[in-house]
Protein backbone atom coordinates (compact mmCIF):
# COMPACT_ATOMS: atom_id res chain seq x y z
CA UNK A 1 0.09 -0.02 -0.10
CA UNK A 2 1.27 3.52 -1.03
CA UNK A 3 1.75 6.36 1.43
CA UNK A 4 0.42 9.78 0.98
CA UNK A 5 2.83 12.29 -0.72
CA UNK A 6 4.58 14.38 1.90
CA UNK A 7 5.96 17.76 0.45
CA UNK A 8 8.45 19.40 2.78
CA UNK A 9 8.47 23.26 2.82
CA UNK A 10 9.99 26.09 4.61
CA UNK A 11 7.61 28.62 6.00
CA UNK A 12 7.70 31.99 4.03
CA UNK A 13 9.57 30.31 1.17
CA UNK A 14 8.64 31.63 -2.30
CA UNK A 15 10.41 28.69 -4.05
CA UNK A 16 8.48 26.20 -1.78
CA UNK A 17 5.15 28.00 -2.64
CA UNK A 18 5.88 27.85 -6.28
CA UNK A 19 7.15 24.26 -6.54
CA UNK A 20 4.34 23.16 -4.33
CA UNK A 21 1.91 24.44 -6.76
CA UNK A 22 3.74 22.59 -9.62
CA UNK A 23 3.63 19.37 -7.60
CA UNK A 24 -0.07 19.74 -6.90
CA UNK A 25 -0.68 20.34 -10.52
CA UNK A 26 1.19 17.21 -11.28
CA UNK A 27 -0.27 14.87 -8.66
CA UNK A 28 -3.93 16.42 -8.81
CA UNK A 29 -4.72 15.09 -5.32
CA UNK A 30 -8.34 14.94 -3.96
CA UNK A 31 -7.24 15.99 -0.40
CA UNK A 32 -4.62 18.44 0.74
CA UNK A 33 -3.47 18.34 4.24
CA UNK A 34 -1.47 21.38 5.67
CA UNK A 35 0.50 21.79 8.76
CA UNK A 36 -1.45 24.22 10.81
CA UNK A 37 -3.84 24.17 14.03
CA UNK A 38 -6.75 22.09 13.08
CA UNK A 39 -9.28 24.52 14.56
CA UNK A 40 -8.20 27.15 12.14
CA UNK A 41 -10.09 25.37 9.33
CA UNK A 42 -13.05 27.76 9.46
CA UNK A 43 -10.55 30.64 8.58
CA UNK A 44 -9.89 29.01 5.14
CA UNK A 45 -12.74 31.02 3.33
CA UNK A 46 -11.38 34.30 4.66
CA UNK A 47 -7.80 33.47 3.76
CA UNK A 48 -8.81 32.90 0.04
CA UNK A 49 -11.23 35.84 -0.12
CA UNK A 50 -10.41 38.06 -3.05
CA UNK A 51 -10.37 41.21 -0.96
CA UNK A 52 -7.75 39.77 1.57
CA UNK A 53 -4.43 41.48 1.29
CA UNK A 54 -1.34 39.71 2.83
CA UNK A 55 0.41 39.51 5.15
CA UNK A 56 -2.21 38.29 7.67
CA UNK A 57 -2.21 35.97 10.65
CA UNK A 58 -4.53 33.85 12.50
CA UNK A 59 -4.55 34.69 16.27
CA UNK A 60 -5.72 32.10 18.90
CA UNK A 61 -6.15 33.35 22.28
CA UNK A 62 -7.43 31.91 25.79
CA UNK A 63 -11.00 32.53 26.93
CA UNK A 64 -9.86 33.52 30.44
CA UNK A 65 -7.34 36.00 31.94
CA UNK A 66 -4.44 36.30 31.89
CA UNK A 67 -4.79 35.95 28.14
CA UNK A 68 -2.43 33.74 26.32
CA UNK A 69 -1.87 34.06 22.38
CA UNK A 70 -0.38 32.22 19.54
CA UNK A 71 0.08 33.55 16.07
CA UNK A 72 0.13 31.75 12.82
CA UNK A 73 1.43 34.34 10.20
CA UNK A 74 1.11 34.03 6.45
CA UNK A 75 2.45 35.96 3.53
CA UNK A 76 1.08 35.54 -0.16
CA UNK A 77 4.24 33.50 -0.85
CA UNK A 78 3.69 31.30 2.10
CA UNK A 79 3.52 27.58 0.84
CA UNK A 80 0.68 26.87 3.32
CA UNK A 81 -1.43 29.78 1.82
CA UNK A 82 -0.60 28.73 -1.74
CA UNK A 83 -1.73 25.23 -0.90
CA UNK A 84 -5.12 26.55 0.38
CA UNK A 85 -5.49 28.77 -2.64
CA UNK A 86 -4.63 25.89 -5.07
CA UNK A 87 -7.50 23.82 -3.34
CA UNK A 88 -9.88 26.58 -3.93
CA UNK A 89 -8.92 27.05 -7.55
CA UNK A 90 -9.13 23.25 -8.22
CA UNK A 91 -12.15 22.32 -6.04
CA UNK A 92 -10.04 20.21 -3.83
CA UNK A 93 -10.73 19.54 -0.16
CA UNK A 94 -8.17 21.25 2.11
CA UNK A 95 -7.58 20.85 5.91
CA UNK A 96 -5.23 22.03 8.55
CA UNK A 97 -4.10 18.87 10.57
CA UNK A 98 -1.80 20.01 13.47
CA UNK A 99 -2.77 20.26 17.10
CA UNK A 100 -5.63 22.58 17.76
CA UNK A 101 -4.89 25.89 19.43
CA UNK A 102 -6.58 24.78 22.52
CA UNK A 103 -3.77 22.16 23.14
CA UNK A 104 -0.92 24.46 21.92
CA UNK A 105 -1.94 27.16 24.48
CA UNK A 106 -2.27 24.54 27.28
CA UNK A 107 1.17 23.19 26.48
CA UNK A 108 2.43 26.70 26.39
CA UNK A 109 1.00 27.36 29.83
CA UNK A 110 2.72 24.17 31.11
CA UNK A 111 6.03 25.13 29.63
CA UNK A 112 6.02 28.58 31.39
CA UNK A 113 6.54 26.64 34.54
CA UNK A 114 9.68 25.00 33.41
CA UNK A 115 11.66 28.16 32.17
CA UNK A 116 14.92 27.38 34.15
CA UNK A 117 15.03 23.87 32.97
CA UNK A 118 14.52 25.00 29.33
CA UNK A 119 17.34 27.59 29.46
CA UNK A 120 19.96 24.87 29.47
CA UNK A 121 18.11 23.15 26.70
CA UNK A 122 17.71 26.30 24.68
CA UNK A 123 21.48 26.92 25.07
CA UNK A 124 22.14 23.35 23.60
CA UNK A 125 19.67 23.98 20.82
CA UNK A 126 21.32 27.37 19.87
CA UNK A 127 24.72 25.64 19.87
CA UNK A 128 23.47 23.39 17.22
CA UNK A 129 22.34 26.14 15.03
CA UNK A 130 25.69 28.09 15.69
CA UNK A 131 27.52 25.00 14.33
CA UNK A 132 25.18 24.90 11.38
CA UNK A 133 25.90 28.59 10.58
CA UNK A 134 29.64 28.01 10.88
CA UNK A 135 29.58 24.85 8.56
CA UNK A 136 27.28 26.89 6.12
CA UNK A 137 29.82 30.02 5.99
CA UNK A 138 28.88 33.24 4.65
CA UNK A 139 26.03 34.76 6.71
CA UNK A 140 24.96 31.44 8.16
CA UNK A 141 22.48 28.69 7.03
CA UNK A 142 19.85 31.47 6.21
CA UNK A 143 22.07 32.49 3.22
CA UNK A 144 22.98 29.01 2.57
CA UNK A 145 19.34 28.13 2.21
CA UNK A 146 18.69 30.93 -0.31
CA UNK A 147 21.78 30.19 -2.35
CA UNK A 148 21.29 26.52 -2.63
CA UNK A 149 17.53 26.02 -2.44
CA UNK A 150 15.45 29.14 -2.79
CA UNK A 151 16.53 29.89 -6.32
CA UNK A 152 16.06 26.30 -7.45
CA UNK A 153 14.10 26.19 -10.82
CA UNK A 154 13.34 22.41 -10.89
CA UNK A 155 10.39 21.08 -8.78
CA UNK A 156 11.99 17.57 -8.28
CA UNK A 157 15.35 19.17 -7.26
CA UNK A 158 13.60 21.42 -4.71
CA UNK A 159 11.43 18.39 -3.35
CA UNK A 160 14.47 16.26 -2.81
CA UNK A 161 16.80 19.00 -1.59
CA UNK A 162 14.37 20.32 1.11
CA UNK A 163 13.73 16.67 2.23
CA UNK A 164 17.47 16.14 2.61
CA UNK A 165 17.92 19.46 4.45
CA UNK A 166 15.07 18.69 6.89
CA UNK A 167 16.43 15.08 7.43
CA UNK A 168 19.87 16.18 8.16
CA UNK A 169 18.74 19.04 10.56
CA UNK A 170 16.40 16.66 12.33
CA UNK A 171 19.37 14.15 12.80
CA UNK A 172 21.53 16.86 14.35
CA UNK A 173 18.82 18.27 16.68
CA UNK A 174 16.33 15.40 17.59
CA UNK A 175 16.12 14.82 21.31
CA UNK A 176 18.12 17.98 22.06
CA UNK A 177 15.51 20.76 21.33
CA UNK A 178 13.49 22.08 24.27
CA UNK A 179 10.20 21.29 22.58
CA UNK A 180 11.11 17.82 21.35
CA UNK A 181 8.33 16.16 23.28
CA UNK A 182 5.82 18.67 21.78
CA UNK A 183 7.25 17.85 18.35
CA UNK A 184 6.46 14.11 18.74
CA UNK A 185 2.99 14.85 19.99
CA UNK A 186 2.36 17.01 17.07
CA UNK A 187 3.54 14.53 14.68
CA UNK A 188 1.48 11.74 16.28
CA UNK A 189 -1.72 14.02 15.97
CA UNK A 190 -0.85 14.93 12.36
CA UNK A 191 -0.52 11.17 11.54
CA UNK A 192 -3.79 10.57 13.05
CA UNK A 193 -5.45 13.01 10.77
CA UNK A 194 -3.52 11.71 7.79
CA UNK A 195 -4.82 8.21 8.75
CA UNK A 196 -8.38 9.68 8.75
CA UNK A 197 -7.90 11.17 5.29
CA UNK A 198 -6.67 7.65 4.02
CA UNK A 199 -10.00 6.21 5.13
CA UNK A 200 -11.80 8.67 2.60
CA UNK A 201 -9.51 8.35 -0.42
CA UNK A 202 -6.53 6.16 -1.60
CA UNK A 203 -3.20 7.45 -0.08
CA UNK A 204 -1.79 8.48 -3.64
CA UNK A 205 -4.61 11.06 -3.82
CA UNK A 206 -3.52 12.86 -0.67
CA UNK A 207 -0.68 15.52 -0.43
CA UNK A 208 0.49 16.40 3.06
CA UNK A 209 2.32 19.95 3.16
CA UNK A 210 4.62 20.28 6.19
CA UNK A 211 7.82 21.76 7.36
CA UNK A 212 10.70 19.91 6.08
CA UNK A 213 11.84 19.10 9.62
CA UNK A 214 8.73 16.87 9.99
CA UNK A 215 8.87 14.94 6.77
CA UNK A 216 10.82 11.99 8.24
CA UNK A 217 8.89 12.31 11.40
CA UNK A 218 5.44 11.81 9.71
CA UNK A 219 6.75 8.92 7.66
CA UNK A 220 7.48 6.90 10.98
CA UNK A 221 4.95 8.47 13.50
CA UNK A 222 2.38 6.32 15.12
CA UNK A 223 -1.12 7.82 14.80
CA UNK A 224 -2.27 9.29 18.08
CA UNK A 225 -4.95 7.04 19.80
CA UNK A 226 -8.28 8.44 21.24
CA UNK A 227 -7.06 7.68 24.74
CA UNK A 228 -3.87 9.64 24.04
CA UNK A 229 -5.89 12.54 22.76
CA UNK A 230 -8.18 12.52 25.78
CA UNK A 231 -5.36 13.03 28.25
CA UNK A 232 -3.69 16.05 26.39
CA UNK A 233 -4.14 19.25 28.28
CA UNK A 234 -6.62 21.73 26.81
CA UNK A 235 -7.88 25.36 27.49
CA UNK A 236 -10.88 27.18 26.17
CA UNK A 237 -9.80 29.30 23.23
CA UNK A 238 -11.13 31.52 20.47
CA UNK A 239 -9.46 32.67 17.30
CA UNK A 240 -9.59 35.50 14.84
CA UNK A 241 -7.84 36.59 11.57
CA UNK A 242 -5.89 39.95 11.79
CA UNK A 243 -3.89 42.04 9.54
CA UNK A 244 -0.08 41.67 9.86
CA UNK A 245 3.01 43.61 8.63
CA UNK A 246 6.09 42.87 6.81
CA UNK A 247 8.27 43.91 9.70
CA UNK A 248 6.55 41.39 11.96
CA UNK A 249 7.11 38.46 9.36
CA UNK A 250 10.84 39.40 9.58
CA UNK A 251 13.12 37.34 11.82
CA UNK A 252 14.54 40.75 12.75
CA UNK A 253 11.37 41.33 14.92
CA UNK A 254 11.99 38.26 16.86
CA UNK A 255 9.65 35.90 14.91
CA UNK A 256 11.32 32.48 14.80
CA UNK A 257 9.96 31.26 11.62
CA UNK A 258 10.52 34.37 9.75
CA UNK A 259 13.05 35.39 7.31
CA UNK A 260 15.44 38.34 7.12
CA UNK A 261 13.76 40.03 4.24
CA UNK A 262 10.05 39.38 3.51
CA UNK A 263 9.85 42.32 0.87
CA UNK A 264 12.87 40.91 -0.96
CA UNK A 265 11.34 37.34 -0.78
CA UNK A 266 8.25 38.85 -2.40
CA UNK A 267 10.41 39.75 -5.24
CA UNK A 268 11.53 36.36 -5.56
CA UNK A 269 7.98 35.12 -5.69
CA UNK A 270 7.09 37.57 -8.42
CA UNK A 271 10.12 36.35 -10.24
CA UNK A 272 8.74 32.78 -10.12
CA UNK A 273 5.33 33.93 -11.26
CA UNK A 274 6.49 35.86 -14.31
CA UNK A 275 9.05 33.32 -15.07
CA UNK A 276 12.02 35.60 -14.77
CA UNK A 277 14.73 34.34 -12.45
CA UNK A 278 16.55 37.69 -12.49
CA UNK A 279 13.42 39.59 -11.43
CA UNK A 280 14.34 39.89 -7.77
CA UNK A 281 17.90 41.17 -8.28
CA UNK A 282 16.98 43.75 -10.84
CA UNK A 283 14.08 45.16 -8.85
CA UNK A 284 16.18 45.02 -5.71
CA UNK A 285 19.09 47.26 -7.06
CA UNK A 286 16.66 49.45 -9.11
CA UNK A 287 14.46 49.87 -6.13
CA UNK A 288 17.49 51.00 -3.93
CA UNK A 289 18.45 53.54 -6.61
CA UNK A 290 14.87 54.81 -6.92
CA UNK A 291 14.62 55.46 -3.16
CA UNK A 292 17.96 57.14 -3.02
CA UNK A 293 16.92 59.47 -5.82
CA UNK A 294 13.71 60.21 -3.94
CA UNK A 295 15.83 61.16 -0.89
CA UNK A 296 17.91 63.55 -2.90
CA UNK A 297 20.99 61.31 -3.31
CA UNK A 298 22.22 60.77 -7.00
CA UNK A 299 22.01 57.31 -8.36
CA UNK A 300 22.49 56.82 -11.98
CA UNK A 301 21.29 53.99 -14.31
CA UNK A 302 25.01 53.45 -15.09
CA UNK A 303 25.51 52.68 -11.40
CA UNK A 304 22.67 50.20 -11.27
CA UNK A 305 24.03 48.49 -14.48
CA UNK A 306 27.45 48.12 -12.67
CA UNK A 307 25.72 46.97 -9.54
CA UNK A 308 23.89 44.18 -11.55
CA UNK A 309 27.00 43.03 -13.25
CA UNK A 310 28.99 43.03 -9.84
CA UNK A 311 26.22 40.90 -8.24
CA UNK A 312 26.35 38.38 -11.12
CA UNK A 313 30.21 38.18 -10.63
CA UNK A 314 29.94 37.76 -6.90
CA UNK A 315 27.39 34.95 -7.23
CA UNK A 316 29.68 33.00 -9.60
CA UNK A 317 32.60 33.58 -7.33
CA UNK A 318 30.49 32.16 -4.39
CA UNK A 319 29.36 29.07 -6.40
CA UNK A 320 25.78 30.22 -7.23
CA UNK A 321 24.14 30.72 -10.55
CA UNK A 322 21.87 33.62 -9.52
CA UNK A 323 22.79 36.46 -7.09
CA UNK A 324 21.44 36.01 -3.68
CA UNK A 325 20.61 38.76 -1.07
CA UNK A 326 24.22 39.00 0.24
CA UNK A 327 25.58 39.36 -3.43
CA UNK A 328 23.00 42.13 -4.18
CA UNK A 329 23.59 44.08 -0.95
CA UNK A 330 27.43 43.91 -1.46
CA UNK A 331 27.02 45.21 -5.01
CA UNK A 332 24.67 47.88 -3.99
CA UNK A 333 27.06 49.10 -1.21
CA UNK A 334 30.00 49.18 -3.81
CA UNK A 335 28.31 50.65 -6.75
CA UNK A 336 25.49 52.84 -5.27
CA UNK A 337 26.75 53.59 -1.79
CA UNK A 338 30.29 54.18 -2.92
CA UNK A 339 31.50 51.66 -0.40
CA UNK A 340 29.58 52.98 2.55
CA UNK A 341 26.47 51.05 3.86
CA UNK A 342 25.24 54.24 5.60
CA UNK A 343 24.55 55.72 2.13
CA UNK A 344 21.94 53.08 1.33
CA UNK A 345 20.80 51.79 4.60
CA UNK A 346 17.39 53.43 4.67
CA UNK A 347 16.62 52.32 1.12
CA UNK A 348 17.75 48.71 1.98
CA UNK A 349 15.37 48.59 4.93
CA UNK A 350 12.55 49.38 2.66
CA UNK A 351 13.55 46.94 -0.05
CA UNK A 352 14.46 44.09 2.07
CA UNK A 353 11.82 44.33 4.92
CA UNK A 354 8.98 46.27 3.35
CA UNK A 355 6.21 48.32 4.67
CA UNK A 356 3.19 46.24 3.69
CA UNK A 357 0.34 45.95 6.00
CA UNK A 358 -2.43 43.27 5.42
CA UNK A 359 -6.21 44.02 4.95
CA UNK A 360 -9.18 41.98 5.67
CA UNK A 361 -12.59 42.30 3.95
CA UNK A 362 -15.66 43.45 5.85
CA UNK A 363 -17.41 40.53 7.60
CA UNK A 364 -14.37 38.59 8.36
CA UNK A 365 -14.65 36.68 11.62
CA UNK A 366 -13.44 39.09 14.48
CA UNK A 367 -14.04 39.70 18.07
CA UNK A 368 -16.75 42.23 18.68
CA UNK A 369 -14.25 44.74 20.12
CA UNK A 370 -12.17 44.52 16.91
CA UNK A 371 -15.43 45.15 14.87
CA UNK A 372 -15.99 48.17 17.09
CA UNK A 373 -12.37 49.47 16.78
CA UNK A 374 -12.52 49.24 12.91
CA UNK A 375 -15.99 50.94 12.75
CA UNK A 376 -14.74 53.87 14.84
CA UNK A 377 -11.50 54.15 12.69
CA UNK A 378 -13.96 54.72 9.84
CA UNK A 379 -16.32 56.76 11.63
CA UNK A 380 -13.67 59.22 12.90
CA UNK A 381 -11.80 59.21 9.65
CA UNK A 382 -8.64 57.63 11.07
CA UNK A 383 -8.28 54.74 8.46
CA UNK A 384 -5.56 56.63 6.66
CA UNK A 385 -3.44 56.48 9.75
CA UNK A 386 -3.34 52.61 9.91
CA UNK A 387 0.09 52.51 8.48
CA UNK A 388 3.31 50.86 9.62
CA UNK A 389 5.13 54.27 9.63
CA UNK A 390 4.35 56.72 12.40
CA UNK A 391 2.48 59.83 11.45
CA UNK A 392 1.63 63.02 13.55
CA UNK A 393 -2.08 63.94 14.07
CA UNK A 394 -2.87 67.36 15.71
CA UNK A 395 -6.26 67.77 17.08
CA UNK A 396 -8.14 71.04 17.92
CA UNK A 397 -10.86 70.14 20.41
CA UNK A 398 -12.69 73.38 19.87
CA UNK A 399 -16.10 73.42 17.94
CA UNK A 400 -15.50 73.80 14.26
CA UNK A 401 -18.22 76.43 13.37
CA UNK A 402 -17.32 76.37 9.49
CA UNK A 403 -19.02 72.94 8.99
CA UNK A 404 -22.75 72.10 8.80
CA UNK A 405 -23.15 68.96 10.67
CA UNK A 406 -22.55 68.52 14.58
CA UNK A 407 -20.55 65.39 13.87
CA UNK A 408 -18.20 67.42 11.73
CA UNK A 409 -17.97 70.26 14.22
CA UNK A 410 -16.73 68.00 16.92
CA UNK A 411 -14.78 65.39 14.82
CA UNK A 412 -11.43 66.14 16.63
CA UNK A 413 -13.04 66.03 20.07
CA UNK A 414 -14.51 62.59 19.32
CA UNK A 415 -11.11 61.51 17.83
CA UNK A 416 -9.63 62.49 21.08
CA UNK A 417 -12.02 60.57 23.23
CA UNK A 418 -11.50 57.37 20.98
CA UNK A 419 -7.65 57.74 21.16
CA UNK A 420 -7.63 58.20 24.90
CA UNK A 421 -9.75 55.10 25.31
CA UNK A 422 -7.30 53.10 23.48
CA UNK A 423 -4.77 54.70 25.62
CA UNK A 424 -6.43 53.56 28.83
CA UNK A 425 -6.66 50.03 27.56
CA UNK A 426 -2.95 49.80 26.63
CA UNK A 427 -3.45 49.72 22.92
CA UNK A 428 -0.46 51.10 21.37
CA UNK A 429 -2.08 52.49 18.23
CA UNK A 430 -1.77 56.06 19.36
CA UNK A 431 0.69 57.91 21.80
CA UNK A 432 -0.14 61.35 23.24
CA UNK A 433 2.74 63.89 22.65
CA UNK A 434 3.33 67.06 24.66
CA UNK A 435 1.56 70.46 23.86
CA UNK A 436 2.39 74.10 24.33
CA UNK A 437 1.31 75.45 27.65
CA UNK A 438 -0.69 78.29 26.19
CA UNK A 439 -2.90 76.00 24.07
CA UNK A 440 -2.73 72.82 26.25
CA UNK A 441 -6.47 72.77 26.85
CA UNK A 442 -7.70 72.75 23.22
CA UNK A 443 -4.90 71.16 21.32
CA UNK A 444 -3.59 67.71 21.38
CA UNK A 445 -0.64 66.01 19.30
CA UNK A 446 -0.88 62.25 18.70
CA UNK A 447 1.77 59.90 17.12
CA UNK A 448 -0.16 57.18 15.34
CA UNK A 449 1.30 53.96 14.12
CA UNK A 450 -0.28 50.70 13.52
CA UNK A 451 1.43 47.48 14.80
CA UNK A 452 0.24 43.94 15.07
CA UNK A 453 0.81 44.28 18.78
CA UNK A 454 -2.08 46.86 18.84
CA UNK A 455 -4.30 44.36 17.33
CA UNK A 456 -3.22 41.58 19.89
CA UNK A 457 -3.85 44.20 22.61
CA UNK A 458 -7.34 44.62 21.24
CA UNK A 459 -8.19 40.96 21.31
CA UNK A 460 -6.84 40.71 24.85
CA UNK A 461 -9.32 43.47 25.88
CA UNK A 462 -12.17 41.45 24.36
CA UNK A 463 -12.73 39.77 27.72
CA UNK A 464 -13.38 43.25 29.37
CA UNK A 465 -16.18 44.33 27.00
CA UNK A 466 -17.73 43.90 23.55
CA UNK A 467 -16.81 47.36 22.53
CA UNK A 468 -14.11 49.83 23.27
CA UNK A 469 -16.12 51.86 25.49
CA UNK A 470 -17.45 48.99 27.61
CA UNK A 471 -13.79 47.70 27.99
CA UNK A 472 -12.72 51.12 29.13
CA UNK A 473 -15.47 51.09 31.72
CA UNK A 474 -14.46 47.91 33.04
CA UNK A 475 -10.89 48.98 33.33
CA UNK A 476 -11.74 52.25 35.03
CA UNK A 477 -13.99 50.40 37.55
CA UNK A 478 -11.22 47.92 38.35
CA UNK A 479 -8.80 50.69 38.92
CA UNK A 480 -11.07 52.51 41.09
CA UNK A 481 -11.90 49.57 43.24
CA UNK A 482 -8.15 48.62 43.56
CA UNK A 483 -7.16 52.34 44.48
CA UNK A 484 -5.47 52.36 47.87
CA UNK A 485 -5.67 56.24 48.31
CA UNK A 486 -7.62 59.19 46.93
CA UNK A 487 -4.81 60.12 44.48
CA UNK A 488 -5.48 56.77 42.77
CA UNK A 489 -9.31 57.65 42.39
CA UNK A 490 -8.38 61.08 41.10
CA UNK A 491 -6.25 59.49 38.38
CA UNK A 492 -9.26 57.45 37.29
CA UNK A 493 -11.45 60.78 37.24
CA UNK A 494 -8.80 62.37 34.99
CA UNK A 495 -8.83 59.36 32.62
CA UNK A 496 -12.47 59.18 32.52
CA UNK A 497 -12.65 62.79 31.75
CA UNK A 498 -10.22 62.47 28.94
CA UNK A 499 -12.19 59.52 27.55
CA UNK A 500 -15.34 61.50 27.43
CA UNK A 501 -17.08 59.02 29.83
CA UNK A 502 -19.31 61.32 32.16
CA UNK A 503 -20.92 58.46 33.78
CA UNK A 504 -17.64 56.88 34.86
CA UNK A 505 -16.48 60.23 35.99
CA UNK A 506 -19.33 60.96 38.29
CA UNK A 507 -19.13 57.50 39.85
CA UNK A 508 -15.50 58.07 40.61
CA UNK A 509 -16.31 61.50 41.91
CA UNK A 510 -18.78 59.92 44.42
CA UNK A 511 -16.18 57.49 45.63
CA UNK A 512 -13.64 60.25 46.07
CA UNK A 513 -16.03 62.25 48.18
CA UNK A 514 -16.60 59.25 50.33
CA UNK A 515 -12.94 58.79 50.96
CA UNK A 516 -11.98 62.48 51.13
CA UNK A 517 -13.27 62.75 54.83
CA UNK A 518 -10.69 59.98 55.72
CA UNK A 519 -7.22 61.10 56.82
CA UNK A 520 -4.79 61.78 53.94
CA UNK A 521 -1.40 63.22 54.03
CA UNK A 522 -0.35 66.53 52.41
CA UNK A 523 1.54 64.77 49.54
CA UNK A 524 -1.40 62.56 48.71
CA UNK A 525 -3.70 65.59 48.72
CA UNK A 526 -1.32 67.44 46.58
CA UNK A 527 -1.22 64.65 43.94
CA UNK A 528 -5.11 64.37 43.99
CA UNK A 529 -5.52 68.09 43.55
CA UNK A 530 -3.12 68.03 40.64
CA UNK A 531 -5.24 65.48 38.77
CA UNK A 532 -8.41 67.30 39.65
CA UNK A 533 -7.12 70.77 38.62
CA UNK A 534 -5.93 69.30 35.31
CA UNK A 535 -9.47 68.28 34.59
CA UNK A 536 -11.02 71.64 35.63
CA UNK A 537 -8.62 73.67 33.57
CA UNK A 538 -10.24 72.49 30.37
CA UNK A 539 -13.52 74.28 31.28
CA UNK A 540 -16.25 73.30 28.73
CA UNK A 541 -13.73 72.39 25.90
CA UNK A 542 -14.61 68.39 26.47
CA UNK A 543 -18.39 69.28 26.95
CA UNK A 544 -18.33 67.51 30.40
CA UNK A 545 -19.30 69.46 33.43
CA UNK A 546 -16.45 69.88 35.88
CA UNK A 547 -18.27 71.99 38.46
CA UNK A 548 -18.89 68.93 40.71
CA UNK A 549 -15.02 68.85 41.24
CA UNK A 550 -14.84 72.28 42.83
CA UNK A 551 -16.29 71.55 46.26
CA UNK A 552 -14.16 68.41 46.79
CA UNK A 553 -11.00 70.38 45.50
CA UNK A 554 -11.74 73.15 47.86
CA UNK A 555 -12.19 70.63 50.73
CA UNK A 556 -8.96 68.94 50.13
CA UNK A 557 -7.08 72.35 49.73
CA UNK A 558 -8.48 73.51 53.16
CA UNK A 559 -7.48 70.23 54.72
CA UNK A 560 -3.93 70.54 53.43
CA UNK A 561 -3.61 74.07 54.67
CA UNK A 562 -4.83 72.89 58.21
CA UNK A 563 -2.22 70.14 58.25
CA UNK A 564 0.64 72.39 57.27
CA UNK A 565 -0.67 74.96 59.82
CA UNK A 566 -0.55 72.25 62.63
CA UNK A 567 2.85 71.03 61.67
CA UNK A 568 4.15 74.62 61.93
CA UNK A 569 2.61 75.18 65.22
CA UNK A 570 4.30 72.10 66.54
CA UNK A 571 7.59 73.19 65.36
């Protein structure tokens, strides 16, 4: 009896994506099984939606605090995504077959209790990869991979080469990696799902898409039994699809399965698609020259031509047919930067890493707080600031009398309320900057920058409320109940005021009045008055009545005076 075809890939490999599609065209399977959490299968229609723009990530998170998360990022050139897309185009069944996120997160929680033990294991694991880097030479095994495998034009050669690479890497590391037991559990579970698929169709009608490291493991793994599945730890989880960014796909951001240059690898993918193996190198060098010109630095066509020739010569000297990233960068430094990397560093960052941010169509499965966030981005005309580069936004909180609608008249004020609510929730989409003292009450300066971390923080706040304002109410109430002194409650009052949440402010004021009669030191009173006076100096700019704060502020001021007077008398 034949076994299913197992096609080894590397995550974020354009060559892997291209050759996988060629392999699928040849084998024409009825079922394609892809390494990825099994409970992500309901996201497949959204991944292949025509309006989805990559990169994106599936985010799974626990259904209880403290929230734990795992991310499964995908680029357009991810082999896993191209497998899913091929299945849609060819009306073929596709499934994710790895452990569900409920088990991954439970195992993650258990591992958190064994950090010290794993430190030594990770050190051994790192030493293995250091040895691999030394043997590979150049810039380590990352560059070795690109030079030897990523530019392979023959599908059969890629198939065999990746298999051999994964097999040798597994031989070097098996039993030595900190997550080796987890790897075995995962492979047993994937083998279980492969076995189920073989009950539906013949094995030769199945293609399994998995990391090259797991190819040998899946060939020999025993399928997990029902009893073994039953004893695995599990936690309640939810999951959602979210936009991602080129930078977060990069290994430079700390993503272990990333590559050094996501945007450059996208050029390799485009080269495969248009049948031009020189596409990536030509566009890399021309792109750097174009950005240098935009920045006001001369970069001629002759310099680009010389850089192309030098990159080809370096590739041949280093034993490869096509220039790889190192060859291209060395050529760019020499011919465009006149020997100085500092001359091209900004252009290199854009060309290698990129600035792309993914986008999802309306109706994509999200948490309710995410839906509310994106609705408000649109309502307050902030969608254009959803970029990976930081931008400044200056708000004038005064009524704009030159417009016809009330909504437009108070647009900046409502933007301020929204951004302050995000600040209170710890969502890093916007950071408040300083303002001049003379216009501090009516002007605000914000630095706005979208990051995947902001999206993750949104999801983590989903347990606090279905909307942004509900989550803020929950946070303010928690802070007020946990406050140990009157200055803590005063800080809640200030935040409630900045967020435009009058009900929360009044509730906090009543709590402050109840505590203000208790003994408090002069320093604590001073901090409290500082918060309250900050609120009162706005007057009616924020359209919230602050008169209620005057009596309690006066009461605190008189008490502080009395305490200072008594202290003076005793002296």
